[in-house]
């Protein structure tokens, strides 16, 4: 069992989530309730991603890894329920079909 996160492993996940953040566009209409949800999901993803980078800079790879996975989870969820347009990318995102 491995109880540490290597810098290389963390960097891979940071890179994947960075690419996902760059790809996401909000698909919900501007004045809709879903737009507020999409904005909130994207804010959570960006905040967790920022936290991940901060923890990585501090050498805390475990919390950085947890944070980057939370960030990507928010993006995946938003893509799966249709708040985000991700261009049918099922490599960076977990889509329904």
PDB file of N, CA and C in Angstrom:
ATOM      1  N   UNK A   1       0.851  -1.196   0.000  1.00  0.00           N
ATOM      2  CA  UNK A   1       0.000   0.000   0.000  1.00  0.00           C
ATOM      3  C   UNK A   1       0.887   1.247   0.000  1.00  0.00           C
ATOM      4  N   UNK A   2       0.523   2.180  -0.801  1.00  0.00           N
ATOM      5  CA  UNK A   2       1.301   3.408  -0.922  1.00  0.00           C
ATOM      6  C   UNK A   2       0.588   4.524  -0.168  1.00  0.00           C
ATOM      7  N   UNK A   3       1.299   5.191   0.709  1.00  0.00           N
ATOM      8  CA  UNK A   3       0.675   6.249   1.510  1.00  0.00           C
ATOM      9  C   UNK A   3       1.293   7.620   1.257  1.00  0.00           C
ATOM     10  N   UNK A   4       1.916   7.756   0.105  1.00  0.00           N
ATOM     11  CA  UNK A   4       2.480   9.055  -0.277  1.00  0.00           C
ATOM     12  C   UNK A   4       2.093   9.367  -1.724  1.00  0.00           C
ATOM     13  N   UNK A   5       2.147  10.615  -2.047  1.00  0.00           N
ATOM     14  CA  UNK A   5       1.869  11.079  -3.407  1.00  0.00           C
ATOM     15  C   UNK A   5       3.165  11.670  -3.955  1.00  0.00           C
ATOM     16  N   UNK A   6       3.604  11.175  -5.091  1.00  0.00           N
ATOM     17  CA  UNK A   6       4.830  11.722  -5.687  1.00  0.00           C
ATOM     18  C   UNK A   6       4.510  13.032  -6.412  1.00  0.00           C
ATOM     19  N   UNK A   7       5.532  13.838  -6.593  1.00  0.00           N
ATOM     20  CA  UNK A   7       5.370  15.088  -7.319  1.00  0.00           C
ATOM     21  C   UNK A   7       4.917  14.806  -8.752  1.00  0.00           C
ATOM     22  N   UNK A   8       5.459  13.775  -9.361  1.00  0.00           N
ATOM     23  CA  UNK A   8       5.099  13.429 -10.735  1.00  0.00           C
ATOM     24  C   UNK A   8       3.620  13.038 -10.834  1.00  0.00           C
ATOM     25  N   UNK A   9       3.152  12.255  -9.883  1.00  0.00           N
ATOM     26  CA  UNK A   9       1.752  11.832  -9.867  1.00  0.00           C
ATOM     27  C   UNK A   9       0.836  13.041  -9.673  1.00  0.00           C
ATOM     28  N   UNK A  10       1.182  13.896  -8.742  1.00  0.00           N
ATOM     29  CA  UNK A  10       0.403  15.101  -8.495  1.00  0.00           C
ATOM     30  C   UNK A  10       0.409  16.015  -9.721  1.00  0.00           C
ATOM     31  N   UNK A  11       1.570  16.208 -10.316  1.00  0.00           N
ATOM     32  CA  UNK A  11       1.672  17.071 -11.502  1.00  0.00           C
ATOM     33  C   UNK A  11       0.790  16.560 -12.640  1.00  0.00           C
ATOM     34  N   UNK A  12       0.697  15.249 -12.791  1.00  0.00           N
ATOM     35  CA  UNK A  12      -0.161  14.668 -13.831  1.00  0.00           C
ATOM     36  C   UNK A  12      -1.615  15.054 -13.586  1.00  0.00           C
ATOM     37  N   UNK A  13      -2.070  14.923 -12.349  1.00  0.00           N
ATOM     38  CA  UNK A  13      -3.465  15.248 -12.031  1.00  0.00           C
ATOM     39  C   UNK A  13      -3.729  16.753 -12.117  1.00  0.00           C
ATOM     40  N   UNK A  14      -2.776  17.562 -11.720  1.00  0.00           N
ATOM     41  CA  UNK A  14      -2.927  19.011 -11.872  1.00  0.00           C
ATOM     42  C   UNK A  14      -3.044  19.387 -13.344  1.00  0.00           C
ATOM     43  N   UNK A  15      -2.252  18.750 -14.186  1.00  0.00           N
ATOM     44  CA  UNK A  15      -2.288  19.025 -15.626  1.00  0.00           C
ATOM     45  C   UNK A  15      -3.633  18.620 -16.234  1.00  0.00           C
ATOM     46  N   UNK A  16      -4.135  17.465 -15.860  1.00  0.00           N
ATOM     47  CA  UNK A  16      -5.424  16.990 -16.375  1.00  0.00           C
ATOM     48  C   UNK A  16      -6.535  17.956 -15.978  1.00  0.00           C
ATOM     49  N   UNK A  17      -6.556  18.356 -14.725  1.00  0.00           N
ATOM     50  CA  UNK A  17      -7.613  19.241 -14.257  1.00  0.00           C
ATOM     51  C   UNK A  17      -7.469  20.642 -14.842  1.00  0.00           C
ATOM     52  N   UNK A  18      -6.251  21.091 -15.046  1.00  0.00           N
ATOM     53  CA  UNK A  18      -6.038  22.388 -15.705  1.00  0.00           C
ATOM     54  C   UNK A  18      -6.621  22.355 -17.118  1.00  0.00           C
ATOM     55  N   UNK A  19      -6.369  21.281 -17.849  1.00  0.00           N
ATOM     56  CA  UNK A  19      -6.925  21.141 -19.203  1.00  0.00           C
ATOM     57  C   UNK A  19      -8.448  21.105 -19.154  1.00  0.00           C
ATOM     58  N   UNK A  20      -9.002  20.421 -18.161  1.00  0.00           N
ATOM     59  CA  UNK A  20     -10.459  20.350 -18.029  1.00  0.00           C
ATOM     60  C   UNK A  20     -11.046  21.730 -17.741  1.00  0.00           C
ATOM     61  N   UNK A  21     -10.422  22.482 -16.844  1.00  0.00           N
ATOM     62  CA  UNK A  21     -10.896  23.836 -16.543  1.00  0.00           C
ATOM     63  C   UNK A  21     -10.867  24.724 -17.781  1.00  0.00           C
ATOM     64  N   UNK A  22      -9.851  24.566 -18.597  1.00  0.00           N
ATOM     65  CA  UNK A  22      -9.730  25.371 -19.813  1.00  0.00           C
ATOM     66  C   UNK A  22     -10.776  24.989 -20.860  1.00  0.00           C
ATOM     67  N   UNK A  23     -11.250  23.770 -20.811  1.00  0.00           N
ATOM     68  CA  UNK A  23     -12.195  23.281 -21.816  1.00  0.00           C
ATOM     69  C   UNK A  23     -13.648  23.617 -21.481  1.00  0.00           C
ATOM     70  N   UNK A  24     -13.979  23.693 -20.217  1.00  0.00           N
ATOM     71  CA  UNK A  24     -15.358  23.895 -19.768  1.00  0.00           C
ATOM     72  C   UNK A  24     -15.909  25.238 -20.223  1.00  0.00           C
ATOM     73  N   UNK A  25     -17.112  25.196 -20.781  1.00  0.00           N
ATOM     74  CA  UNK A  25     -17.889  26.411 -20.989  1.00  0.00           C
ATOM     75  C   UNK A  25     -19.258  26.171 -20.374  1.00  0.00           C
ATOM     76  N   UNK A  26     -19.855  27.219 -19.890  1.00  0.00           N
ATOM     77  CA  UNK A  26     -21.166  27.110 -19.260  1.00  0.00           C
ATOM     78  C   UNK A  26     -22.226  27.035 -20.355  1.00  0.00           C
ATOM     79  N   UNK A  27     -23.080  26.025 -20.256  1.00  0.00           N
ATOM     80  CA  UNK A  27     -24.117  25.841 -21.271  1.00  0.00           C
ATOM     81  C   UNK A  27     -25.490  26.328 -20.808  1.00  0.00           C
ATOM     82  N   UNK A  28     -25.649  26.597 -19.531  1.00  0.00           N
ATOM     83  CA  UNK A  28     -26.936  27.047 -18.998  1.00  0.00           C
ATOM     84  C   UNK A  28     -27.202  28.490 -19.422  1.00  0.00           C
ATOM     85  N   UNK A  29     -28.451  28.806 -19.767  1.00  0.00           N
ATOM     86  CA  UNK A  29     -28.799  30.180 -20.156  1.00  0.00           C
ATOM     87  C   UNK A  29     -28.492  31.190 -19.047  1.00  0.00           C
ATOM     88  N   UNK A  30     -28.105  32.371 -19.452  1.00  0.00           N
ATOM     89  CA  UNK A  30     -27.651  33.442 -18.546  1.00  0.00           C
ATOM     90  C   UNK A  30     -28.603  33.698 -17.373  1.00  0.00           C
ATOM     91  N   UNK A  31     -29.891  33.770 -17.610  1.00  0.00           N
ATOM     92  CA  UNK A  31     -30.831  34.157 -16.556  1.00  0.00           C
ATOM     93  C   UNK A  31     -31.516  32.963 -15.890  1.00  0.00           C
ATOM     94  N   UNK A  32     -31.018  31.775 -16.122  1.00  0.00           N
ATOM     95  CA  UNK A  32     -31.659  30.577 -15.568  1.00  0.00           C
ATOM     96  C   UNK A  32     -31.103  30.226 -14.190  1.00  0.00           C
ATOM     97  N   UNK A  33     -31.879  29.444 -13.465  1.00  0.00           N
ATOM     98  CA  UNK A  33     -31.412  28.922 -12.180  1.00  0.00           C
ATOM     99  C   UNK A  33     -30.189  28.034 -12.392  1.00  0.00           C
ATOM    100  N   UNK A  34     -30.196  27.277 -13.486  1.00  0.00           N
ATOM    101  CA  UNK A  34     -29.057  26.407 -13.762  1.00  0.00           C
ATOM    102  C   UNK A  34     -27.779  27.192 -14.011  1.00  0.00           C
ATOM    103  N   UNK A  35     -27.900  28.425 -14.471  1.00  0.00           N
ATOM    104  CA  UNK A  35     -26.712  29.263 -14.663  1.00  0.00           C
ATOM    105  C   UNK A  35     -26.072  29.550 -13.305  1.00  0.00           C
ATOM    106  N   UNK A  36     -26.911  29.828 -12.303  1.00  0.00           N
ATOM    107  CA  UNK A  36     -26.381  30.060 -10.950  1.00  0.00           C
ATOM    108  C   UNK A  36     -25.679  28.812 -10.436  1.00  0.00           C
ATOM    109  N   UNK A  37     -26.262  27.653 -10.712  1.00  0.00           N
ATOM    110  CA  UNK A  37     -25.618  26.396 -10.320  1.00  0.00           C
ATOM    111  C   UNK A  37     -24.292  26.215 -11.051  1.00  0.00           C
ATOM    112  N   UNK A  38     -24.302  26.453 -12.352  1.00  0.00           N
ATOM    113  CA  UNK A  38     -23.081  26.299 -13.147  1.00  0.00           C
ATOM    114  C   UNK A  38     -21.988  27.240 -12.653  1.00  0.00           C
ATOM    115  N   UNK A  39     -22.348  28.487 -12.402  1.00  0.00           N
ATOM    116  CA  UNK A  39     -21.370  29.452 -11.873  1.00  0.00           C
ATOM    117  C   UNK A  39     -20.801  28.970 -10.546  1.00  0.00           C
ATOM    118  N   UNK A  40     -21.675  28.444  -9.687  1.00  0.00           N
ATOM    119  CA  UNK A  40     -21.244  27.952  -8.384  1.00  0.00           C
ATOM    120  C   UNK A  40     -20.326  26.733  -8.523  1.00  0.00           C
ATOM    121  N   UNK A  41     -20.701  25.799  -9.401  1.00  0.00           N
ATOM    122  CA  UNK A  41     -19.868  24.610  -9.621  1.00  0.00           C
ATOM    123  C   UNK A  41     -18.484  25.024 -10.129  1.00  0.00           C
ATOM    124  N   UNK A  42     -18.461  25.962 -11.076  1.00  0.00           N
ATOM    125  CA  UNK A  42     -17.188  26.400 -11.639  1.00  0.00           C
ATOM    126  C   UNK A  42     -16.346  27.132 -10.598  1.00  0.00           C
ATOM    127  N   UNK A  43     -16.989  27.934  -9.773  1.00  0.00           N
ATOM    128  CA  UNK A  43     -16.263  28.611  -8.693  1.00  0.00           C
ATOM    129  C   UNK A  43     -15.659  27.593  -7.721  1.00  0.00           C
ATOM    130  N   UNK A  44     -16.423  26.570  -7.377  1.00  0.00           N
ATOM    131  CA  UNK A  44     -15.901  25.538  -6.472  1.00  0.00           C
ATOM    132  C   UNK A  44     -14.702  24.832  -7.110  1.00  0.00           C
ATOM    133  N   UNK A  45     -14.817  24.495  -8.388  1.00  0.00           N
ATOM    134  CA  UNK A  45     -13.714  23.818  -9.081  1.00  0.00           C
ATOM    135  C   UNK A  45     -12.466  24.697  -9.099  1.00  0.00           C
ATOM    136  N   UNK A  46     -12.648  25.955  -9.420  1.00  0.00           N
ATOM    137  CA  UNK A  46     -11.499  26.873  -9.471  1.00  0.00           C
ATOM    138  C   UNK A  46     -10.877  27.067  -8.090  1.00  0.00           C
ATOM    139  N   UNK A  47     -11.708  27.154  -7.079  1.00  0.00           N
ATOM    140  CA  UNK A  47     -11.203  27.342  -5.714  1.00  0.00           C
ATOM    141  C   UNK A  47     -10.415  26.130  -5.248  1.00  0.00           C
ATOM    142  N   UNK A  48     -10.971  24.940  -5.466  1.00  0.00           N
ATOM    143  CA  UNK A  48     -10.241  23.721  -5.087  1.00  0.00           C
ATOM    144  C   UNK A  48      -8.961  23.569  -5.890  1.00  0.00           C
ATOM    145  N   UNK A  49      -8.986  23.955  -7.177  1.00  0.00           N
ATOM    146  CA  UNK A  49      -7.780  23.870  -7.990  1.00  0.00           C
ATOM    147  C   UNK A  49      -6.712  24.840  -7.466  1.00  0.00           C
ATOM    148  N   UNK A  50      -7.138  26.022  -7.093  1.00  0.00           N
ATOM    149  CA  UNK A  50      -6.221  26.996  -6.506  1.00  0.00           C
ATOM    150  C   UNK A  50      -5.636  26.465  -5.198  1.00  0.00           C
ATOM    151  N   UNK A  51      -6.488  25.865  -4.386  1.00  0.00           N
ATOM    152  CA  UNK A  51      -6.012  25.260  -3.135  1.00  0.00           C
ATOM    153  C   UNK A  51      -4.985  24.170  -3.425  1.00  0.00           C
ATOM    154  N   UNK A  52      -5.259  23.352  -4.443  1.00  0.00           N
ATOM    155  CA  UNK A  52      -4.337  22.270  -4.805  1.00  0.00           C
ATOM    156  C   UNK A  52      -2.962  22.825  -5.164  1.00  0.00           C
ATOM    157  N   UNK A  53      -2.945  23.887  -5.967  1.00  0.00           N
ATOM    158  CA  UNK A  53      -1.663  24.487  -6.342  1.00  0.00           C
ATOM    159  C   UNK A  53      -0.949  25.060  -5.123  1.00  0.00           C
ATOM    160  N   UNK A  54      -1.716  25.680  -4.227  1.00  0.00           N
ATOM    161  CA  UNK A  54      -1.119  26.230  -3.011  1.00  0.00           C
ATOM    162  C   UNK A  54      -0.494  25.124  -2.163  1.00  0.00           C
ATOM    163  N   UNK A  55      -1.251  24.052  -1.934  1.00  0.00           N
ATOM    164  CA  UNK A  55      -0.716  22.933  -1.145  1.00  0.00           C
ATOM    165  C   UNK A  55       0.517  22.335  -1.812  1.00  0.00           C
ATOM    166  N   UNK A  56       0.495  22.218  -3.148  1.00  0.00           N
ATOM    167  CA  UNK A  56       1.642  21.663  -3.867  1.00  0.00           C
ATOM    168  C   UNK A  56       2.875  22.532  -3.670  1.00  0.00           C
ATOM    169  N   UNK A  57       2.687  23.845  -3.739  1.00  0.00           N
ATOM    170  CA  UNK A  57       3.810  24.765  -3.526  1.00  0.00           C
ATOM    171  C   UNK A  57       4.382  24.653  -2.120  1.00  0.00           C
ATOM    172  N   UNK A  58       3.534  24.290  -1.166  1.00  0.00           N
ATOM    173  CA  UNK A  58       3.972  24.125   0.220  1.00  0.00           C
ATOM    174  C   UNK A  58       4.588  22.747   0.470  1.00  0.00           C
ATOM    175  N   UNK A  59       4.537  21.878  -0.533  1.00  0.00           N
ATOM    176  CA  UNK A  59       5.068  20.525  -0.391  1.00  0.00           C
ATOM    177  C   UNK A  59       4.086  19.551   0.243  1.00  0.00           C
ATOM    178  N   UNK A  60       2.848  19.974   0.415  1.00  0.00           N
ATOM    179  CA  UNK A  60       1.811  19.121   0.998  1.00  0.00           C
ATOM    180  C   UNK A  60       1.064  18.419  -0.139  1.00  0.00           C
ATOM    181  N   UNK A  61       1.671  17.358  -0.648  1.00  0.00           N
ATOM    182  CA  UNK A  61       1.131  16.673  -1.815  1.00  0.00           C
ATOM    183  C   UNK A  61      -0.150  15.911  -1.519  1.00  0.00           C
ATOM    184  N   UNK A  62      -0.327  15.457  -0.307  1.00  0.00           N
ATOM    185  CA  UNK A  62      -1.545  14.716   0.037  1.00  0.00           C
ATOM    186  C   UNK A  62      -2.761  15.636  -0.040  1.00  0.00           C
ATOM    187  N   UNK A  63      -2.699  16.796   0.599  1.00  0.00           N
ATOM    188  CA  UNK A  63      -3.826  17.731   0.528  1.00  0.00           C
ATOM    189  C   UNK A  63      -3.976  18.323  -0.871  1.00  0.00           C
ATOM    190  N   UNK A  64      -2.871  18.498  -1.581  1.00  0.00           N
ATOM    191  CA  UNK A  64      -2.948  18.972  -2.962  1.00  0.00           C
ATOM    192  C   UNK A  64      -3.684  17.954  -3.827  1.00  0.00           C
ATOM    193  N   UNK A  65      -3.366  16.681  -3.645  1.00  0.00           N
ATOM    194  CA  UNK A  65      -4.007  15.619  -4.413  1.00  0.00           C
ATOM    195  C   UNK A  65      -5.498  15.544  -4.093  1.00  0.00           C
ATOM    196  N   UNK A  66      -5.834  15.665  -2.820  1.00  0.00           N
ATOM    197  CA  UNK A  66      -7.254  15.661  -2.433  1.00  0.00           C
ATOM    198  C   UNK A  66      -7.970  16.851  -3.069  1.00  0.00           C
ATOM    199  N   UNK A  67      -7.371  18.014  -3.023  1.00  0.00           N
ATOM    200  CA  UNK A  67      -8.000  19.225  -3.562  1.00  0.00           C
ATOM    201  C   UNK A  67      -8.178  19.155  -5.072  1.00  0.00           C
ATOM    202  N   UNK A  68      -7.177  18.657  -5.784  1.00  0.00           N
ATOM    203  CA  UNK A  68      -7.306  18.587  -7.242  1.00  0.00           C
ATOM    204  C   UNK A  68      -8.392  17.583  -7.627  1.00  0.00           C
ATOM    205  N   UNK A  69      -8.547  16.539  -6.843  1.00  0.00           N
ATOM    206  CA  UNK A  69      -9.605  15.576  -7.135  1.00  0.00           C
ATOM    207  C   UNK A  69     -10.984  16.148  -6.835  1.00  0.00           C
ATOM    208  N   UNK A  70     -11.114  16.934  -5.802  1.00  0.00           N
ATOM    209  CA  UNK A  70     -12.379  17.637  -5.553  1.00  0.00           C
ATOM    210  C   UNK A  70     -12.689  18.586  -6.705  1.00  0.00           C
ATOM    211  N   UNK A  71     -11.680  19.324  -7.169  1.00  0.00           N
ATOM    212  CA  UNK A  71     -11.873  20.260  -8.280  1.00  0.00           C
ATOM    213  C   UNK A  71     -12.406  19.522  -9.500  1.00  0.00           C
ATOM    214  N   UNK A  72     -11.771  18.423  -9.823  1.00  0.00           N
ATOM    215  CA  UNK A  72     -12.195  17.686 -11.014  1.00  0.00           C
ATOM    216  C   UNK A  72     -13.574  17.066 -10.810  1.00  0.00           C
ATOM    217  N   UNK A  73     -13.881  16.683  -9.590  1.00  0.00           N
ATOM    218  CA  UNK A  73     -15.204  16.146  -9.285  1.00  0.00           C
ATOM    219  C   UNK A  73     -16.313  17.154  -9.573  1.00  0.00           C
ATOM    220  N   UNK A  74     -16.095  18.413  -9.198  1.00  0.00           N
ATOM    221  CA  UNK A  74     -17.082  19.459  -9.498  1.00  0.00           C
ATOM    222  C   UNK A  74     -17.250  19.609 -11.008  1.00  0.00           C
ATOM    223  N   UNK A  75     -16.144  19.563 -11.755  1.00  0.00           N
ATOM    224  CA  UNK A  75     -16.219  19.687 -13.210  1.00  0.00           C
ATOM    225  C   UNK A  75     -16.949  18.496 -13.825  1.00  0.00           C
ATOM    226  N   UNK A  76     -16.603  17.301 -13.376  1.00  0.00           N
ATOM    227  CA  UNK A  76     -17.264  16.095 -13.874  1.00  0.00           C
ATOM    228  C   UNK A  76     -18.767  16.136 -13.627  1.00  0.00           C
ATOM    229  N   UNK A  77     -19.134  16.516 -12.429  1.00  0.00           N
ATOM    230  CA  UNK A  77     -20.549  16.572 -12.081  1.00  0.00           C
ATOM    231  C   UNK A  77     -21.280  17.584 -12.964  1.00  0.00           C
ATOM    232  N   UNK A  78     -20.705  18.771 -13.110  1.00  0.00           N
ATOM    233  CA  UNK A  78     -21.323  19.793 -13.945  1.00  0.00           C
ATOM    234  C   UNK A  78     -21.458  19.357 -15.393  1.00  0.00           C
ATOM    235  N   UNK A  79     -20.450  18.640 -15.903  1.00  0.00           N
ATOM    236  CA  UNK A  79     -20.508  18.138 -17.275  1.00  0.00           C
ATOM    237  C   UNK A  79     -21.576  17.054 -17.397  1.00  0.00           C
ATOM    238  N   UNK A  80     -21.628  16.180 -16.434  1.00  0.00           N
ATOM    239  CA  UNK A  80     -22.546  15.046 -16.512  1.00  0.00           C
ATOM    240  C   UNK A  80     -24.009  15.463 -16.441  1.00  0.00           C
ATOM    241  N   UNK A  81     -24.308  16.498 -15.665  1.00  0.00           N
ATOM    242  CA  UNK A  81     -25.711  16.917 -15.546  1.00  0.00           C
ATOM    243  C   UNK A  81     -26.079  18.031 -16.535  1.00  0.00           C
ATOM    244  N   UNK A  82     -25.123  18.424 -17.383  1.00  0.00           N
ATOM    245  CA  UNK A  82     -25.429  19.352 -18.462  1.00  0.00           C
ATOM    246  C   UNK A  82     -25.258  20.821 -18.156  1.00  0.00           C
ATOM    247  N   UNK A  83     -24.636  21.164 -17.039  1.00  0.00           N
ATOM    248  CA  UNK A  83     -24.376  22.570 -16.745  1.00  0.00           C
ATOM    249  C   UNK A  83     -23.228  23.108 -17.589  1.00  0.00           C
ATOM    250  N   UNK A  84     -22.306  22.219 -17.951  1.00  0.00           N
ATOM    251  CA  UNK A  84     -21.126  22.592 -18.730  1.00  0.00           C
ATOM    252  C   UNK A  84     -21.137  21.895 -20.078  1.00  0.00           C
ATOM    253  N   UNK A  85     -20.686  22.608 -21.083  1.00  0.00           N
ATOM    254  CA  UNK A  85     -20.422  22.008 -22.381  1.00  0.00           C
ATOM    255  C   UNK A  85     -18.939  21.654 -22.398  1.00  0.00           C
ATOM    256  N   UNK A  86     -18.644  20.395 -22.628  1.00  0.00           N
ATOM    257  CA  UNK A  86     -17.262  19.940 -22.663  1.00  0.00           C
ATOM    258  C   UNK A  86     -16.922  19.296 -24.007  1.00  0.00           C
ATOM    259  N   UNK A  87     -17.763  19.593 -25.005  1.00  0.00           N
ATOM    260  CA  UNK A  87     -17.500  19.112 -26.350  1.00  0.00           C
ATOM    261  C   UNK A  87     -17.471  17.600 -26.485  1.00  0.00           C
ATOM    262  N   UNK A  88     -18.280  16.896 -25.733  1.00  0.00           N
ATOM    263  CA  UNK A  88     -18.338  15.423 -25.791  1.00  0.00           C
ATOM    264  C   UNK A  88     -17.016  14.757 -25.405  1.00  0.00           C
ATOM    265  N   UNK A  89     -16.166  15.454 -24.660  1.00  0.00           N
ATOM    266  CA  UNK A  89     -14.861  14.922 -24.265  1.00  0.00           C
ATOM    267  C   UNK A  89     -15.028  13.913 -23.132  1.00  0.00           C
ATOM    268  N   UNK A  90     -14.955  12.640 -23.493  1.00  0.00           N
ATOM    269  CA  UNK A  90     -15.090  11.604 -22.463  1.00  0.00           C
ATOM    270  C   UNK A  90     -13.735  11.087 -21.985  1.00  0.00           C
ATOM    271  N   UNK A  91     -12.681  11.819 -22.330  1.00  0.00           N
ATOM    272  CA  UNK A  91     -11.354  11.516 -21.798  1.00  0.00           C
ATOM    273  C   UNK A  91     -11.073  12.346 -20.545  1.00  0.00           C
ATOM    274  N   UNK A  92     -11.455  13.617 -20.587  1.00  0.00           N
ATOM    275  CA  UNK A  92     -11.253  14.493 -19.433  1.00  0.00           C
ATOM    276  C   UNK A  92     -12.437  14.474 -18.473  1.00  0.00           C
ATOM    277  N   UNK A  93     -13.606  14.044 -18.966  1.00  0.00           N
ATOM    278  CA  UNK A  93     -14.828  14.111 -18.166  1.00  0.00           C
ATOM    279  C   UNK A  93     -15.566  12.785 -18.192  1.00  0.00           C
ATOM    280  N   UNK A  94     -16.341  12.553 -17.142  1.00  0.00           N
ATOM    281  CA  UNK A  94     -17.189  11.368 -17.066  1.00  0.00           C
ATOM    282  C   UNK A  94     -18.570  11.763 -17.536  1.00  0.00           C
ATOM    283  N   UNK A  95     -18.865  11.467 -18.795  1.00  0.00           N
ATOM    284  CA  UNK A  95     -20.152  11.807 -19.364  1.00  0.00           C
ATOM    285  C   UNK A  95     -21.133  10.664 -19.187  1.00  0.00           C
ATOM    286  N   UNK A  96     -22.407  10.949 -19.305  1.00  0.00           N
ATOM    287  CA  UNK A  96     -23.416   9.932 -19.098  1.00  0.00           C
ATOM    288  C   UNK A  96     -23.382   8.874 -20.194  1.00  0.00           C
ATOM    289  N   UNK A  97     -23.354   9.287 -21.434  1.00  0.00           N
ATOM    290  CA  UNK A  97     -23.288   8.338 -22.553  1.00  0.00           C
ATOM    291  C   UNK A  97     -22.229   8.765 -23.536  1.00  0.00           C
TER     292      UNK A  97
END
